[in-house]
Amino acid sequence: MNRSWMLAGVLACAACGGSPPPPPRRPAPPPAAAKPAEDDAAPAVPTTMYVYSPIGKRDPFQNVFGNREDQPVRVEGRKPTPLQRWSLDQLRLSLTVTGTSSPMAMLEDPENRGWPVRLGDFVGKNWGKVTSLQRDQIVVTETITDHSTGRVYPQNIKILVPESKDEERDMRALKDGEEMVPSPMRDR
């Protein structure tokens, strides 16, 4: 037993006989903040601000399966046209004819009936007026009244001719750098 006490004491002395642990490191003081220049003192202000306008856009909360009011807004002294039974987002532009003295376009209603449209025709439930006919789009201008201020704002809404699958493929090929050459069958 005496030996075991002696062995335990030697081991304890050997374990404690090392040098003391180093003192913990102190964290470095934070660098002094540089004084901002006069240009940096002003907070960054965005140059443009986005303002959402629901005009000409479909109402995401509108019940598409419920009964809709098919009657357009009434205007004194004018009878609504057949194309004023539908809103603009329900109409589809199928073709345009430009380069003539009286350009025209063909709009299709939700029942797939075609309606010819010329400059100055009224379209849509909000008495939108066709103000521009271009090669691949028409522009319909609706007037929106701000009831809180009484001001009237014109809103231009574009209706585009949809691209066919061939046109989409050709546009992708052009963007990829492919050279477009006429078909050999075309020359015959």
Protein backbone atom coordinates (compact mmCIF):
# COMPACT_ATOMS: atom_id res chain seq x y z
CA MET A 1 0.00 0.00 0.00
CA ASN A 2 2.85 2.26 0.71
CA ARG A 3 4.12 1.85 -2.78
CA SER A 4 0.80 2.74 -4.35
CA TRP A 5 0.73 5.99 -2.37
CA MET A 6 4.18 6.79 -3.46
CA LEU A 7 3.41 6.04 -7.11
CA ALA A 8 0.30 8.23 -6.95
CA GLY A 9 2.32 11.07 -5.47
CA VAL A 10 5.00 10.82 -8.16
CA LEU A 11 2.40 10.85 -10.88
CA ALA A 12 0.66 13.85 -9.32
CA CYS A 13 3.91 15.73 -9.09
CA ALA A 14 4.77 14.88 -12.68
CA ALA A 15 1.40 16.10 -13.87
CA CYS A 16 1.58 19.33 -11.92
CA GLY A 17 5.22 19.98 -12.56
CA GLY A 18 4.68 21.59 -16.00
CA SER A 19 4.74 25.30 -16.69
CA PRO A 20 1.54 27.22 -15.99
CA PRO A 21 -0.78 27.76 -18.97
CA PRO A 22 -0.34 31.00 -20.90
CA PRO A 23 -2.68 33.86 -20.00
CA PRO A 24 -5.76 34.21 -22.26
CA ARG A 25 -5.33 36.55 -25.20
CA ARG A 26 -7.06 39.86 -25.02
CA PRO A 27 -9.20 40.71 -28.07
CA ALA A 28 -7.74 43.40 -30.29
CA PRO A 29 -9.46 46.76 -29.86
CA PRO A 30 -11.83 47.56 -32.75
CA PRO A 31 -10.37 49.91 -35.35
CA ALA A 32 -11.37 53.51 -34.97
CA ALA A 33 -14.26 54.39 -37.26
CA ALA A 34 -13.17 56.70 -40.05
CA LYS A 35 -15.11 59.92 -40.26
CA PRO A 36 -17.42 59.83 -43.28
CA ALA A 37 -16.78 62.34 -46.01
CA GLU A 38 -19.50 64.86 -46.80
CA ASP A 39 -20.52 62.84 -49.89
CA ASP A 40 -20.97 59.69 -47.81
CA ALA A 41 -22.97 61.46 -45.10
CA ALA A 42 -26.17 61.57 -47.20
CA PRO A 43 -28.15 58.31 -47.16
CA ALA A 44 -28.46 56.49 -50.46
CA VAL A 45 -31.78 57.39 -52.11
CA PRO A 46 -33.09 55.26 -54.98
CA THR A 47 -33.29 57.22 -58.21
CA THR A 48 -36.51 55.58 -59.39
CA MET A 49 -39.47 54.39 -57.42
CA TYR A 50 -41.85 51.68 -58.64
CA VAL A 51 -45.53 52.44 -58.26
CA TYR A 52 -47.97 49.62 -59.00
CA SER A 53 -50.85 50.49 -61.28
CA PRO A 54 -53.66 47.94 -61.61
CA ILE A 55 -54.98 49.63 -64.74
CA GLY A 56 -55.12 47.25 -67.68
CA LYS A 57 -54.25 44.24 -65.54
CA ARG A 58 -56.51 41.36 -64.59
CA ASP A 59 -57.85 41.43 -61.04
CA PRO A 60 -56.30 38.38 -59.31
CA PHE A 61 -59.15 38.27 -56.80
CA GLN A 62 -61.91 38.30 -59.41
CA ASN A 63 -64.08 35.18 -59.46
CA VAL A 64 -63.63 33.80 -62.96
CA PHE A 65 -66.36 31.18 -62.50
CA GLY A 66 -69.01 33.44 -61.00
CA ASN A 67 -71.59 35.52 -62.82
CA ARG A 68 -70.08 38.53 -64.46
CA GLU A 69 -71.65 41.78 -65.33
CA ASP A 70 -71.58 41.82 -69.11
CA GLN A 71 -72.85 45.36 -69.42
CA PRO A 72 -70.21 47.99 -70.24
CA VAL A 73 -70.05 51.35 -68.51
CA ARG A 74 -72.71 53.69 -69.89
CA VAL A 75 -71.72 56.95 -71.57
CA GLU A 76 -74.35 59.55 -72.37
CA GLY A 77 -75.23 59.83 -76.06
CA ARG A 78 -73.24 56.76 -77.25
CA LYS A 79 -74.35 53.25 -77.90
CA PRO A 80 -71.75 50.60 -76.91
CA THR A 81 -70.10 48.58 -79.67
CA PRO A 82 -70.17 44.76 -79.66
CA LEU A 83 -66.53 44.68 -78.53
CA GLN A 84 -67.46 46.57 -75.36
CA ARG A 85 -69.10 43.51 -73.84
CA TRP A 86 -65.67 42.14 -72.85
CA SER A 87 -62.74 43.57 -70.95
CA LEU A 88 -59.47 44.14 -72.81
CA ASP A 89 -57.72 41.15 -71.25
CA GLN A 90 -60.38 38.85 -72.73
CA LEU A 91 -59.77 40.08 -76.30
CA ARG A 92 -57.01 38.66 -78.53
CA LEU A 93 -55.36 40.45 -81.44
CA SER A 94 -55.12 38.04 -84.36
CA LEU A 95 -53.78 40.26 -87.18
CA THR A 96 -53.08 43.80 -88.27
CA VAL A 97 -53.11 45.40 -91.70
CA THR A 98 -50.84 48.44 -91.89
CA GLY A 99 -49.20 50.38 -94.70
CA THR A 100 -52.53 51.51 -96.15
CA SER A 101 -54.42 54.76 -95.88
CA SER A 102 -56.82 53.17 -93.37
CA PRO A 103 -55.02 50.57 -91.23
CA MET A 104 -57.14 47.98 -89.47
CA ALA A 105 -56.81 45.08 -87.06
CA MET A 106 -58.79 41.95 -86.23
CA LEU A 107 -59.72 41.31 -82.60
CA GLU A 108 -61.17 38.00 -81.43
CA ASP A 109 -63.61 37.81 -78.56
CA PRO A 110 -63.75 34.93 -76.04
CA GLU A 111 -66.26 33.17 -78.31
CA ASN A 112 -63.65 33.16 -81.15
CA ARG A 113 -65.56 35.62 -83.33
CA GLY A 114 -63.47 38.12 -85.28
CA TRP A 115 -64.19 41.84 -85.21
CA PRO A 116 -62.52 44.42 -87.49
CA VAL A 117 -61.15 47.43 -85.62
CA ARG A 118 -59.96 50.76 -87.02
CA LEU A 119 -58.47 53.89 -85.44
CA GLY A 120 -60.98 55.64 -83.20
CA ASP A 121 -63.12 52.54 -82.49
CA PHE A 122 -64.20 51.88 -78.92
CA VAL A 123 -63.07 48.61 -77.34
CA GLY A 124 -63.46 47.14 -73.84
CA LYS A 125 -65.83 47.76 -70.97
CA ASN A 126 -64.14 51.03 -69.94
CA TRP A 127 -64.68 52.82 -73.27
CA GLY A 128 -61.10 52.37 -74.44
CA LYS A 129 -60.36 54.01 -77.79
CA VAL A 130 -57.99 52.52 -80.40
CA THR A 131 -55.33 55.22 -80.79
CA SER A 132 -52.56 53.37 -82.62
CA LEU A 133 -52.35 50.48 -85.08
CA GLN A 134 -48.86 49.10 -85.64
CA ARG A 135 -47.41 46.05 -87.35
CA ASP A 136 -47.57 43.75 -84.33
CA GLN A 137 -49.78 45.58 -81.80
CA ILE A 138 -52.60 48.01 -81.22
CA VAL A 139 -52.76 50.62 -78.48
CA VAL A 140 -56.04 51.23 -76.67
CA THR A 141 -56.31 54.38 -74.54
CA GLU A 142 -58.68 54.33 -71.58
CA THR A 143 -59.34 57.29 -69.32
CA ILE A 144 -59.24 56.60 -65.60
CA THR A 145 -60.79 59.03 -63.12
CA ASP A 146 -59.23 59.44 -59.69
CA HIS A 147 -62.35 59.95 -57.59
CA SER A 148 -60.46 61.42 -54.64
CA THR A 149 -59.00 64.31 -56.67
CA GLY A 150 -61.29 64.35 -59.70
CA ARG A 151 -58.35 64.19 -62.12
CA VAL A 152 -58.60 62.16 -65.33
CA TYR A 153 -55.60 60.09 -66.43
CA PRO A 154 -55.16 58.49 -69.86
CA GLN A 155 -53.87 54.90 -69.71
CA ASN A 156 -52.35 53.29 -72.83
CA ILE A 157 -52.84 49.53 -73.01
CA LYS A 158 -51.02 47.48 -75.66
CA ILE A 159 -52.54 44.37 -77.18
CA LEU A 160 -49.89 42.32 -79.00
CA VAL A 161 -50.19 39.81 -81.82
CA PRO A 162 -49.10 36.46 -80.34
CA GLU A 163 -45.99 34.89 -81.88
CA SER A 164 -46.30 31.55 -83.63
CA LYS A 165 -44.05 28.59 -82.73
CA ASP A 166 -42.05 29.11 -85.97
CA GLU A 167 -41.42 32.77 -85.12
CA GLU A 168 -40.29 31.85 -81.60
CA ARG A 169 -37.89 29.23 -83.00
CA ASP A 170 -36.49 31.69 -85.56
CA MET A 171 -35.99 34.40 -82.90
CA ARG A 172 -34.11 31.94 -80.66
CA ALA A 173 -31.90 30.93 -83.63
CA LEU A 174 -31.12 34.59 -84.39
CA LYS A 175 -30.22 35.25 -80.75
CA ASP A 176 -27.93 32.21 -80.75
CA GLY A 177 -26.08 33.66 -83.76
CA GLU A 178 -27.37 31.30 -86.40
CA GLU A 179 -27.44 32.82 -89.87
CA MET A 180 -30.90 32.77 -91.40
CA VAL A 181 -30.93 31.81 -95.10
CA PRO A 182 -33.93 31.47 -97.39
CA SER A 183 -35.32 28.02 -97.96
CA PRO A 184 -34.26 26.34 -101.27
CA MET A 185 -37.91 25.37 -101.83
CA ARG A 186 -38.87 29.03 -101.94
CA ASP A 187 -36.86 29.77 -105.11
CA ARG A 188 -38.66 27.14 -107.19
